[in-house]
ModelCIF file with pLDDT and N, C-alpha, C, O atoms, coordinates in Angstrom:
data_MODEL
#
_entry.id   MODEL 
#
_entity.id                         1 
_entity.type                       polymer 
_entity.pdbx_number_of_molecules   1 
#
_entity_poly.entity_id                      1 
_entity_poly.type                           'polypeptide(L)' 
_entity_poly.nstd_linkage                   no 
_entity_poly.nstd_monomer                   no 
_entity_poly.pdbx_seq_one_letter_code       CRAYTVSQRMTLLIRNQDGSLSRTVSNYDTWESKGGHRMSFVLRQTE 
_entity_poly.pdbx_seq_one_letter_code_can   CRAYTVSQRMTLLIRNQDGSLSRTVSNYDTWESKGGHRMSFVLRQTE 
_entity_poly.pdbx_strand_id                 A 
#
loop_
_entity_poly_seq.entity_id 
_entity_poly_seq.num 
_entity_poly_seq.mon_id 
_entity_poly_seq.hetero 
1 1  CYS n 
1 2  ARG n 
1 3  ALA n 
1 4  TYR n 
1 5  THR n 
1 6  VAL n 
1 7  SER n 
1 8  GLN n 
1 9  ARG n 
1 10 MET n 
1 11 THR n 
1 12 LEU n 
1 13 LEU n 
1 14 ILE n 
1 15 ARG n 
1 16 ASN n 
1 17 GLN n 
1 18 ASP n 
1 19 GLY n 
1 20 SER n 
1 21 LEU n 
1 22 SER n 
1 23 ARG n 
1 24 THR n 
1 25 VAL n 
1 26 SER n 
1 27 ASN n 
1 28 TYR n 
1 29 ASP n 
1 30 THR n 
1 31 TRP n 
1 32 GLU n 
1 33 SER n 
1 34 LYS n 
1 35 GLY n 
1 36 GLY n 
1 37 HIS n 
1 38 ARG n 
1 39 MET n 
1 40 SER n 
1 41 PHE n 
1 42 VAL n 
1 43 LEU n 
1 44 ARG n 
1 45 GLN n 
1 46 THR n 
1 47 GLU n 
#
_struct_asym.id          A 
_struct_asym.entity_id   1 
#
loop_
_ma_qa_metric.id 
_ma_qa_metric.mode 
_ma_qa_metric.name 
_ma_qa_metric.software_group_id 
_ma_qa_metric.type 
1 global pLDDT . pLDDT 
2 local  pLDDT . pLDDT 
#
_ma_qa_metric_global.metric_id      1 
_ma_qa_metric_global.metric_value   92.81 
_ma_qa_metric_global.model_id       1 
_ma_qa_metric_global.ordinal_id     1 
#
loop_
_ma_qa_metric_local.label_asym_id 
_ma_qa_metric_local.label_comp_id 
_ma_qa_metric_local.label_seq_id 
_ma_qa_metric_local.metric_id 
_ma_qa_metric_local.metric_value 
_ma_qa_metric_local.model_id 
_ma_qa_metric_local.ordinal_id 
A CYS 1  2 89.00 1 1  
A ARG 2  2 92.00 1 2  
A ALA 3  2 94.00 1 3  
A TYR 4  2 94.00 1 4  
A THR 5  2 95.00 1 5  
A VAL 6  2 95.00 1 6  
A SER 7  2 95.00 1 7  
A GLN 8  2 94.00 1 8  
A ARG 9  2 95.00 1 9  
A MET 10 2 94.00 1 10 
A THR 11 2 94.00 1 11 
A LEU 12 2 93.00 1 12 
A LEU 13 2 93.00 1 13 
A ILE 14 2 92.00 1 14 
A ARG 15 2 92.00 1 15 
A ASN 16 2 89.00 1 16 
A GLN 17 2 88.00 1 17 
A ASP 18 2 89.00 1 18 
A GLY 19 2 88.00 1 19 
A SER 20 2 91.00 1 20 
A LEU 21 2 91.00 1 21 
A SER 22 2 89.00 1 22 
A ARG 23 2 91.00 1 23 
A THR 24 2 90.00 1 24 
A VAL 25 2 93.00 1 25 
A SER 26 2 92.00 1 26 
A ASN 27 2 94.00 1 27 
A TYR 28 2 94.00 1 28 
A ASP 29 2 96.00 1 29 
A THR 30 2 96.00 1 30 
A TRP 31 2 97.00 1 31 
A GLU 32 2 97.00 1 32 
A SER 33 2 96.00 1 33 
A LYS 34 2 93.00 1 34 
A GLY 35 2 92.00 1 35 
A GLY 36 2 92.00 1 36 
A HIS 37 2 95.00 1 37 
A ARG 38 2 97.00 1 38 
A MET 39 2 97.00 1 39 
A SER 40 2 97.00 1 40 
A PHE 41 2 96.00 1 41 
A VAL 42 2 95.00 1 42 
A LEU 43 2 93.00 1 43 
A ARG 44 2 92.00 1 44 
A GLN 45 2 90.00 1 45 
A THR 46 2 88.00 1 46 
A GLU 47 2 83.00 1 47 
#
loop_
_atom_site.group_PDB 
_atom_site.id 
_atom_site.type_symbol 
_atom_site.label_atom_id 
_atom_site.label_alt_id 
_atom_site.label_comp_id 
_atom_site.label_asym_id 
_atom_site.label_entity_id 
_atom_site.label_seq_id 
_atom_site.pdbx_PDB_ins_code 
_atom_site.Cartn_x 
_atom_site.Cartn_y 
_atom_site.Cartn_z 
_atom_site.occupancy 
_atom_site.B_iso_or_equiv 
_atom_site.pdbx_formal_charge 
_atom_site.auth_seq_id 
_atom_site.auth_comp_id 
_atom_site.auth_asym_id 
_atom_site.auth_atom_id 
_atom_site.pdbx_PDB_model_num 
ATOM 1   N N  . CYS A 1 1  ? 6.064   -2.229  17.005  1.00 89.00 ? 1  CYS A N  1 
ATOM 2   C CA . CYS A 1 1  ? 6.522   -3.172  17.989  1.00 89.00 ? 1  CYS A CA 1 
ATOM 3   C C  . CYS A 1 1  ? 5.619   -4.386  18.240  1.00 89.00 ? 1  CYS A C  1 
ATOM 4   O O  . CYS A 1 1  ? 6.085   -5.397  18.765  1.00 89.00 ? 1  CYS A O  1 
ATOM 5   N N  . ARG A 1 2  ? 4.569   -4.316  17.940  1.00 92.00 ? 2  ARG A N  1 
ATOM 6   C CA . ARG A 1 2  ? 3.360   -5.375  17.867  1.00 92.00 ? 2  ARG A CA 1 
ATOM 7   C C  . ARG A 1 2  ? 2.987   -5.971  16.635  1.00 92.00 ? 2  ARG A C  1 
ATOM 8   O O  . ARG A 1 2  ? 2.391   -7.048  16.634  1.00 92.00 ? 2  ARG A O  1 
ATOM 9   N N  . ALA A 1 3  ? 3.283   -5.369  15.573  1.00 94.00 ? 3  ALA A N  1 
ATOM 10  C CA . ALA A 1 3  ? 2.697   -5.974  14.167  1.00 94.00 ? 3  ALA A CA 1 
ATOM 11  C C  . ALA A 1 3  ? 3.633   -5.352  13.113  1.00 94.00 ? 3  ALA A C  1 
ATOM 12  O O  . ALA A 1 3  ? 4.529   -4.527  13.288  1.00 94.00 ? 3  ALA A O  1 
ATOM 13  N N  . TYR A 1 4  ? 3.137   -6.050  11.766  1.00 94.00 ? 4  TYR A N  1 
ATOM 14  C CA . TYR A 1 4  ? 3.498   -5.684  10.458  1.00 94.00 ? 4  TYR A CA 1 
ATOM 15  C C  . TYR A 1 4  ? 2.214   -5.407  9.726   1.00 94.00 ? 4  TYR A C  1 
ATOM 16  O O  . TYR A 1 4  ? 1.242   -6.162  9.760   1.00 94.00 ? 4  TYR A O  1 
ATOM 17  N N  . THR A 1 5  ? 2.277   -4.155  8.990   1.00 95.00 ? 5  THR A N  1 
ATOM 18  C CA . THR A 1 5  ? 1.510   -3.841  8.018   1.00 95.00 ? 5  THR A CA 1 
ATOM 19  C C  . THR A 1 5  ? 1.958   -3.744  6.666   1.00 95.00 ? 5  THR A C  1 
ATOM 20  O O  . THR A 1 5  ? 2.817   -2.927  6.336   1.00 95.00 ? 5  THR A O  1 
ATOM 21  N N  . VAL A 1 6  ? 1.292   -4.725  5.678   1.00 95.00 ? 6  VAL A N  1 
ATOM 22  C CA . VAL A 1 6  ? 2.117   -5.053  4.462   1.00 95.00 ? 6  VAL A CA 1 
ATOM 23  C C  . VAL A 1 6  ? 1.098   -4.113  3.280   1.00 95.00 ? 6  VAL A C  1 
ATOM 24  O O  . VAL A 1 6  ? -0.127  -4.147  3.395   1.00 95.00 ? 6  VAL A O  1 
ATOM 25  N N  . SER A 1 7  ? 1.572   -3.542  2.500   1.00 95.00 ? 7  SER A N  1 
ATOM 26  C CA . SER A 1 7  ? 0.905   -3.042  1.353   1.00 95.00 ? 7  SER A CA 1 
ATOM 27  C C  . SER A 1 7  ? 1.435   -3.469  0.043   1.00 95.00 ? 7  SER A C  1 
ATOM 28  O O  . SER A 1 7  ? 2.449   -2.872  -0.319  1.00 95.00 ? 7  SER A O  1 
ATOM 29  N N  . GLN A 1 8  ? 0.999   -4.308  -0.687  1.00 94.00 ? 8  GLN A N  1 
ATOM 30  C CA . GLN A 1 8  ? 1.310   -4.659  -2.070  1.00 94.00 ? 8  GLN A CA 1 
ATOM 31  C C  . GLN A 1 8  ? 0.597   -4.204  -3.119  1.00 94.00 ? 8  GLN A C  1 
ATOM 32  O O  . GLN A 1 8  ? -0.631  -4.278  -3.134  1.00 94.00 ? 8  GLN A O  1 
ATOM 33  N N  . ARG A 1 9  ? 1.333   -3.666  -4.140  1.00 95.00 ? 9  ARG A N  1 
ATOM 34  C CA . ARG A 1 9  ? 0.566   -3.226  -5.336  1.00 95.00 ? 9  ARG A CA 1 
ATOM 35  C C  . ARG A 1 9  ? 1.398   -3.663  -6.710  1.00 95.00 ? 9  ARG A C  1 
ATOM 36  O O  . ARG A 1 9  ? 2.544   -3.299  -6.975  1.00 95.00 ? 9  ARG A O  1 
ATOM 37  N N  . MET A 1 10 ? 0.624   -4.459  -7.458  1.00 94.00 ? 10 MET A N  1 
ATOM 38  C CA . MET A 1 10 ? 1.301   -4.776  -8.738  1.00 94.00 ? 10 MET A CA 1 
ATOM 39  C C  . MET A 1 10 ? 0.362   -4.402  -9.897  1.00 94.00 ? 10 MET A C  1 
ATOM 40  O O  . MET A 1 10 ? -0.861  -4.541  -9.919  1.00 94.00 ? 10 MET A O  1 
ATOM 41  N N  . THR A 1 11 ? 1.141   -3.915  -10.835 1.00 94.00 ? 11 THR A N  1 
ATOM 42  C CA . THR A 1 11 ? 0.410   -3.441  -12.151 1.00 94.00 ? 11 THR A CA 1 
ATOM 43  C C  . THR A 1 11 ? 1.086   -4.266  -13.444 1.00 94.00 ? 11 THR A C  1 
ATOM 44  O O  . THR A 1 11 ? 2.265   -4.236  -13.796 1.00 94.00 ? 11 THR A O  1 
ATOM 45  N N  . LEU A 1 12 ? 0.064   -4.952  -13.993 1.00 93.00 ? 12 LEU A N  1 
ATOM 46  C CA . LEU A 1 12 ? 0.478   -5.800  -15.180 1.00 93.00 ? 12 LEU A CA 1 
ATOM 47  C C  . LEU A 1 12 ? -0.091  -5.443  -16.343 1.00 93.00 ? 12 LEU A C  1 
ATOM 48  O O  . LEU A 1 12 ? -1.309  -5.292  -16.426 1.00 93.00 ? 12 LEU A O  1 
ATOM 49  N N  . LEU A 1 13 ? 0.835   -5.246  -17.498 1.00 93.00 ? 13 LEU A N  1 
ATOM 50  C CA . LEU A 1 13 ? 0.292   -4.913  -18.720 1.00 93.00 ? 13 LEU A CA 1 
ATOM 51  C C  . LEU A 1 13 ? 0.399   -6.300  -19.832 1.00 93.00 ? 13 LEU A C  1 
ATOM 52  O O  . LEU A 1 13 ? 1.506   -6.693  -20.200 1.00 93.00 ? 13 LEU A O  1 
ATOM 53  N N  . ILE A 1 14 ? -0.550  -6.793  -20.179 1.00 92.00 ? 14 ILE A N  1 
ATOM 54  C CA . ILE A 1 14 ? -0.299  -8.030  -20.851 1.00 92.00 ? 14 ILE A CA 1 
ATOM 55  C C  . ILE A 1 14 ? -0.781  -8.003  -22.317 1.00 92.00 ? 14 ILE A C  1 
ATOM 56  O O  . ILE A 1 14 ? -1.923  -7.584  -22.506 1.00 92.00 ? 14 ILE A O  1 
ATOM 57  N N  . ARG A 1 15 ? -0.085  -8.380  -23.321 1.00 92.00 ? 15 ARG A N  1 
ATOM 58  C CA . ARG A 1 15 ? -0.367  -8.399  -24.588 1.00 92.00 ? 15 ARG A CA 1 
ATOM 59  C C  . ARG A 1 15 ? -0.962  -9.756  -24.990 1.00 92.00 ? 15 ARG A C  1 
ATOM 60  O O  . ARG A 1 15 ? -0.223  -10.716 -24.767 1.00 92.00 ? 15 ARG A O  1 
ATOM 61  N N  . ASN A 1 16 ? -2.079  -10.001 -25.505 1.00 89.00 ? 16 ASN A N  1 
ATOM 62  C CA . ASN A 1 16 ? -2.756  -11.243 -25.813 1.00 89.00 ? 16 ASN A CA 1 
ATOM 63  C C  . ASN A 1 16 ? -2.322  -11.690 -27.198 1.00 89.00 ? 16 ASN A C  1 
ATOM 64  O O  . ASN A 1 16 ? -1.703  -11.049 -28.047 1.00 89.00 ? 16 ASN A O  1 
ATOM 65  N N  . GLN A 1 17 ? -2.801  -12.975 -27.237 1.00 88.00 ? 17 GLN A N  1 
ATOM 66  C CA . GLN A 1 17 ? -2.536  -13.563 -28.751 1.00 88.00 ? 17 GLN A CA 1 
ATOM 67  C C  . GLN A 1 17 ? -3.132  -12.811 -29.935 1.00 88.00 ? 17 GLN A C  1 
ATOM 68  O O  . GLN A 1 17 ? -2.586  -12.763 -31.037 1.00 88.00 ? 17 GLN A O  1 
ATOM 69  N N  . ASP A 1 18 ? -4.254  -12.246 -29.641 1.00 89.00 ? 18 ASP A N  1 
ATOM 70  C CA . ASP A 1 18 ? -4.938  -11.340 -30.763 1.00 89.00 ? 18 ASP A CA 1 
ATOM 71  C C  . ASP A 1 18 ? -4.436  -10.057 -30.855 1.00 89.00 ? 18 ASP A C  1 
ATOM 72  O O  . ASP A 1 18 ? -5.015  -9.262  -31.596 1.00 89.00 ? 18 ASP A O  1 
ATOM 73  N N  . GLY A 1 19 ? -3.335  -9.672  -30.152 1.00 88.00 ? 19 GLY A N  1 
ATOM 74  C CA . GLY A 1 19 ? -2.815  -8.312  -30.189 1.00 88.00 ? 19 GLY A CA 1 
ATOM 75  C C  . GLY A 1 19 ? -3.311  -7.379  -29.229 1.00 88.00 ? 19 GLY A C  1 
ATOM 76  O O  . GLY A 1 19 ? -2.767  -6.285  -29.075 1.00 88.00 ? 19 GLY A O  1 
ATOM 77  N N  . SER A 1 20 ? -4.566  -7.836  -28.404 1.00 91.00 ? 20 SER A N  1 
ATOM 78  C CA . SER A 1 20 ? -5.238  -6.662  -27.543 1.00 91.00 ? 20 SER A CA 1 
ATOM 79  C C  . SER A 1 20 ? -4.268  -6.698  -26.275 1.00 91.00 ? 20 SER A C  1 
ATOM 80  O O  . SER A 1 20 ? -3.462  -7.605  -26.069 1.00 91.00 ? 20 SER A O  1 
ATOM 81  N N  . LEU A 1 21 ? -4.455  -5.593  -25.459 1.00 91.00 ? 21 LEU A N  1 
ATOM 82  C CA . LEU A 1 21 ? -3.690  -5.333  -24.076 1.00 91.00 ? 21 LEU A CA 1 
ATOM 83  C C  . LEU A 1 21 ? -4.717  -5.386  -23.138 1.00 91.00 ? 21 LEU A C  1 
ATOM 84  O O  . LEU A 1 21 ? -5.827  -4.888  -23.329 1.00 91.00 ? 21 LEU A O  1 
ATOM 85  N N  . SER A 1 22 ? -4.373  -5.981  -22.119 1.00 89.00 ? 22 SER A N  1 
ATOM 86  C CA . SER A 1 22 ? -5.189  -5.875  -20.666 1.00 89.00 ? 22 SER A CA 1 
ATOM 87  C C  . SER A 1 22 ? -4.403  -5.496  -19.630 1.00 89.00 ? 22 SER A C  1 
ATOM 88  O O  . SER A 1 22 ? -3.283  -5.996  -19.527 1.00 89.00 ? 22 SER A O  1 
ATOM 89  N N  . ARG A 1 23 ? -4.833  -4.613  -18.759 1.00 91.00 ? 23 ARG A N  1 
ATOM 90  C CA . ARG A 1 23 ? -4.104  -4.025  -17.882 1.00 91.00 ? 23 ARG A CA 1 
ATOM 91  C C  . ARG A 1 23 ? -4.866  -4.451  -16.435 1.00 91.00 ? 23 ARG A C  1 
ATOM 92  O O  . ARG A 1 23 ? -6.067  -4.253  -16.248 1.00 91.00 ? 23 ARG A O  1 
ATOM 93  N N  . THR A 1 24 ? -3.992  -5.050  -15.478 1.00 90.00 ? 24 THR A N  1 
ATOM 94  C CA . THR A 1 24 ? -4.350  -5.615  -14.378 1.00 90.00 ? 24 THR A CA 1 
ATOM 95  C C  . THR A 1 24 ? -3.794  -4.989  -13.387 1.00 90.00 ? 24 THR A C  1 
ATOM 96  O O  . THR A 1 24 ? -2.577  -4.803  -13.382 1.00 90.00 ? 24 THR A O  1 
ATOM 97  N N  . VAL A 1 25 ? -4.628  -4.545  -12.344 1.00 93.00 ? 25 VAL A N  1 
ATOM 98  C CA . VAL A 1 25 ? -3.965  -3.979  -11.298 1.00 93.00 ? 25 VAL A CA 1 
ATOM 99  C C  . VAL A 1 25 ? -4.345  -4.660  -9.789  1.00 93.00 ? 25 VAL A C  1 
ATOM 100 O O  . VAL A 1 25 ? -5.543  -4.697  -9.506  1.00 93.00 ? 25 VAL A O  1 
ATOM 101 N N  . SER A 1 26 ? -3.433  -5.164  -8.875  1.00 92.00 ? 26 SER A N  1 
ATOM 102 C CA . SER A 1 26 ? -3.840  -5.813  -7.734  1.00 92.00 ? 26 SER A CA 1 
ATOM 103 C C  . SER A 1 26 ? -3.314  -4.968  -6.598  1.00 92.00 ? 26 SER A C  1 
ATOM 104 O O  . SER A 1 26 ? -2.183  -4.480  -6.606  1.00 92.00 ? 26 SER A O  1 
ATOM 105 N N  . ASN A 1 27 ? -4.115  -4.831  -5.702  1.00 94.00 ? 27 ASN A N  1 
ATOM 106 C CA . ASN A 1 27 ? -3.927  -4.061  -4.195  1.00 94.00 ? 27 ASN A CA 1 
ATOM 107 C C  . ASN A 1 27 ? -4.090  -5.059  -3.115  1.00 94.00 ? 27 ASN A C  1 
ATOM 108 O O  . ASN A 1 27 ? -5.157  -5.637  -2.904  1.00 94.00 ? 27 ASN A O  1 
ATOM 109 N N  . TYR A 1 28 ? -2.814  -5.281  -2.316  1.00 94.00 ? 28 TYR A N  1 
ATOM 110 C CA . TYR A 1 28 ? -3.118  -6.318  -1.234  1.00 94.00 ? 28 TYR A CA 1 
ATOM 111 C C  . TYR A 1 28 ? -2.688  -5.868  -0.039  1.00 94.00 ? 28 TYR A C  1 
ATOM 112 O O  . TYR A 1 28 ? -1.488  -5.597  -0.014  1.00 94.00 ? 28 TYR A O  1 
ATOM 113 N N  . ASP A 1 29 ? -3.349  -5.688  1.052   1.00 96.00 ? 29 ASP A N  1 
ATOM 114 C CA . ASP A 1 29 ? -3.052  -5.006  2.300   1.00 96.00 ? 29 ASP A CA 1 
ATOM 115 C C  . ASP A 1 29 ? -3.455  -6.040  3.403   1.00 96.00 ? 29 ASP A C  1 
ATOM 116 O O  . ASP A 1 29 ? -4.519  -6.658  3.401   1.00 96.00 ? 29 ASP A O  1 
ATOM 117 N N  . THR A 1 30 ? -2.456  -6.150  4.359   1.00 96.00 ? 30 THR A N  1 
ATOM 118 C CA . THR A 1 30 ? -2.711  -7.054  5.544   1.00 96.00 ? 30 THR A CA 1 
ATOM 119 C C  . THR A 1 30 ? -2.151  -6.310  6.735   1.00 96.00 ? 30 THR A C  1 
ATOM 120 O O  . THR A 1 30 ? -1.241  -5.498  6.574   1.00 96.00 ? 30 THR A O  1 
ATOM 121 N N  . TRP A 1 31 ? -2.639  -6.548  7.863   1.00 97.00 ? 31 TRP A N  1 
ATOM 122 C CA . TRP A 1 31 ? -2.090  -6.451  9.208   1.00 97.00 ? 31 TRP A CA 1 
ATOM 123 C C  . TRP A 1 31 ? -1.902  -7.583  9.950   1.00 97.00 ? 31 TRP A C  1 
ATOM 124 O O  . TRP A 1 31 ? -2.854  -8.341  10.141  1.00 97.00 ? 31 TRP A O  1 
ATOM 125 N N  . GLU A 1 32 ? -0.725  -7.833  10.437  1.00 97.00 ? 32 GLU A N  1 
ATOM 126 C CA . GLU A 1 32 ? -0.365  -9.310  11.162  1.00 97.00 ? 32 GLU A CA 1 
ATOM 127 C C  . GLU A 1 32 ? 0.370   -8.996  12.174  1.00 97.00 ? 32 GLU A C  1 
ATOM 128 O O  . GLU A 1 32 ? 1.361   -8.270  12.097  1.00 97.00 ? 32 GLU A O  1 
ATOM 129 N N  . SER A 1 33 ? -0.142  -9.622  13.403  1.00 96.00 ? 33 SER A N  1 
ATOM 130 C CA . SER A 1 33 ? 0.586   -9.347  14.676  1.00 96.00 ? 33 SER A CA 1 
ATOM 131 C C  . SER A 1 33 ? 1.837   -10.107 14.753  1.00 96.00 ? 33 SER A C  1 
ATOM 132 O O  . SER A 1 33 ? 1.913   -11.195 14.182  1.00 96.00 ? 33 SER A O  1 
ATOM 133 N N  . LYS A 1 34 ? 2.716   -9.679  15.340  1.00 93.00 ? 34 LYS A N  1 
ATOM 134 C CA . LYS A 1 34 ? 4.185   -10.307 15.412  1.00 93.00 ? 34 LYS A CA 1 
ATOM 135 C C  . LYS A 1 34 ? 4.196   -11.628 16.117  1.00 93.00 ? 34 LYS A C  1 
ATOM 136 O O  . LYS A 1 34 ? 5.187   -12.347 15.992  1.00 93.00 ? 34 LYS A O  1 
ATOM 137 N N  . GLY A 1 35 ? 3.092   -12.040 16.910  1.00 92.00 ? 35 GLY A N  1 
ATOM 138 C CA . GLY A 1 35 ? 3.217   -13.176 17.464  1.00 92.00 ? 35 GLY A CA 1 
ATOM 139 C C  . GLY A 1 35 ? 2.617   -14.111 16.447  1.00 92.00 ? 35 GLY A C  1 
ATOM 140 O O  . GLY A 1 35 ? 2.846   -15.307 16.632  1.00 92.00 ? 35 GLY A O  1 
ATOM 141 N N  . GLY A 1 36 ? 1.960   -13.805 15.505  1.00 92.00 ? 36 GLY A N  1 
ATOM 142 C CA . GLY A 1 36 ? 1.619   -14.502 14.039  1.00 92.00 ? 36 GLY A CA 1 
ATOM 143 C C  . GLY A 1 36 ? 0.204   -15.255 14.516  1.00 92.00 ? 36 GLY A C  1 
ATOM 144 O O  . GLY A 1 36 ? -0.040  -16.355 14.020  1.00 92.00 ? 36 GLY A O  1 
ATOM 145 N N  . HIS A 1 37 ? -0.581  -14.764 15.321  1.00 95.00 ? 37 HIS A N  1 
ATOM 146 C CA . HIS A 1 37 ? -1.953  -15.505 15.744  1.00 95.00 ? 37 HIS A CA 1 
ATOM 147 C C  . HIS A 1 37 ? -2.935  -14.527 14.959  1.00 95.00 ? 37 HIS A C  1 
ATOM 148 O O  . HIS A 1 37 ? -3.978  -15.084 14.618  1.00 95.00 ? 37 HIS A O  1 
ATOM 149 N N  . ARG A 1 38 ? -2.853  -13.567 14.702  1.00 97.00 ? 38 ARG A N  1 
ATOM 150 C CA . ARG A 1 38 ? -4.039  -12.484 14.340  1.00 97.00 ? 38 ARG A CA 1 
ATOM 151 C C  . ARG A 1 38 ? -3.763  -11.778 12.972  1.00 97.00 ? 38 ARG A C  1 
ATOM 152 O O  . ARG A 1 38 ? -2.620  -11.371 12.762  1.00 97.00 ? 38 ARG A O  1 
ATOM 153 N N  . MET A 1 39 ? -4.756  -11.604 12.012  1.00 97.00 ? 39 MET A N  1 
ATOM 154 C CA . MET A 1 39 ? -4.573  -11.092 10.752  1.00 97.00 ? 39 MET A CA 1 
ATOM 155 C C  . MET A 1 39 ? -5.662  -10.398 10.330  1.00 97.00 ? 39 MET A C  1 
ATOM 156 O O  . MET A 1 39 ? -6.762  -10.806 10.704  1.00 97.00 ? 39 MET A O  1 
ATOM 157 N N  . SER A 1 40 ? -5.591  -9.328  9.555   1.00 97.00 ? 40 SER A N  1 
ATOM 158 C CA . SER A 1 40 ? -6.620  -8.800  8.698   1.00 97.00 ? 40 SER A CA 1 
ATOM 159 C C  . SER A 1 40 ? -6.122  -8.730  7.381   1.00 97.00 ? 40 SER A C  1 
ATOM 160 O O  . SER A 1 40 ? -4.921  -8.759  7.114   1.00 97.00 ? 40 SER A O  1 
ATOM 161 N N  . PHE A 1 41 ? -7.002  -8.642  6.581   1.00 96.00 ? 41 PHE A N  1 
ATOM 162 C CA . PHE A 1 41 ? -6.773  -8.626  5.015   1.00 96.00 ? 41 PHE A CA 1 
ATOM 163 C C  . PHE A 1 41 ? -7.547  -7.831  4.142   1.00 96.00 ? 41 PHE A C  1 
ATOM 164 O O  . PHE A 1 41 ? -8.634  -7.486  4.603   1.00 96.00 ? 41 PHE A O  1 
ATOM 165 N N  . VAL A 1 42 ? -7.263  -7.439  2.964   1.00 95.00 ? 42 VAL A N  1 
ATOM 166 C CA . VAL A 1 42 ? -7.898  -6.737  1.836   1.00 95.00 ? 42 VAL A CA 1 
ATOM 167 C C  . VAL A 1 42 ? -7.306  -7.089  0.665   1.00 95.00 ? 42 VAL A C  1 
ATOM 168 O O  . VAL A 1 42 ? -6.137  -6.749  0.479   1.00 95.00 ? 42 VAL A O  1 
ATOM 169 N N  . LEU A 1 43 ? -8.053  -7.873  -0.376  1.00 93.00 ? 43 LEU A N  1 
ATOM 170 C CA . LEU A 1 43 ? -7.409  -7.762  -1.758  1.00 93.00 ? 43 LEU A CA 1 
ATOM 171 C C  . LEU A 1 43 ? -8.515  -7.175  -2.684  1.00 93.00 ? 43 LEU A C  1 
ATOM 172 O O  . LEU A 1 43 ? -9.717  -7.425  -2.590  1.00 93.00 ? 43 LEU A O  1 
ATOM 173 N N  . ARG A 1 44 ? -7.992  -6.453  -3.484  1.00 92.00 ? 44 ARG A N  1 
ATOM 174 C CA . ARG A 1 44 ? -8.703  -5.815  -4.696  1.00 92.00 ? 44 ARG A CA 1 
ATOM 175 C C  . ARG A 1 44 ? -7.975  -6.058  -6.006  1.00 92.00 ? 44 ARG A C  1 
ATOM 176 O O  . ARG A 1 44 ? -6.764  -5.847  -6.072  1.00 92.00 ? 44 ARG A O  1 
ATOM 177 N N  . GLN A 1 45 ? -8.648  -6.483  -7.022  1.00 90.00 ? 45 GLN A N  1 
ATOM 178 C CA . GLN A 1 45 ? -7.893  -6.751  -8.267  1.00 90.00 ? 45 GLN A CA 1 
ATOM 179 C C  . GLN A 1 45 ? -9.006  -5.959  -9.462  1.00 90.00 ? 45 GLN A C  1 
ATOM 180 O O  . GLN A 1 45 ? -10.231 -6.082  -9.463  1.00 90.00 ? 45 GLN A O  1 
ATOM 181 N N  . THR A 1 46 ? -8.276  -5.236  -10.318 1.00 88.00 ? 46 THR A N  1 
ATOM 182 C CA . THR A 1 46 ? -9.150  -4.421  -11.365 1.00 88.00 ? 46 THR A CA 1 
ATOM 183 C C  . THR A 1 46 ? -8.553  -4.948  -12.630 1.00 88.00 ? 46 THR A C  1 
ATOM 184 O O  . THR A 1 46 ? -7.406  -5.388  -12.704 1.00 88.00 ? 46 THR A O  1 
ATOM 185 N N  . GLU A 1 47 ? -9.404  -4.876  -13.625 1.00 83.00 ? 47 GLU A N  1 
ATOM 186 C CA . GLU A 1 47 ? -9.126  -5.104  -14.937 1.00 83.00 ? 47 GLU A CA 1 
ATOM 187 C C  . GLU A 1 47 ? -9.815  -4.010  -15.751 1.00 83.00 ? 47 GLU A C  1 
ATOM 188 O O  . GLU A 1 47 ? -9.714  -3.996  -16.978 1.00 83.00 ? 47 GLU A O  1 
#
């Protein structure tokens, strides 16, 4: 009733020009008040 908690996870597997593969994982989490004036956040990305 007072806020939105958002969790986003994206996993990408990318093939590069030389044929190698890279795996990237992004984790992004926020808490945002419904009035829109307060927010907390954390972003982590791994390769």
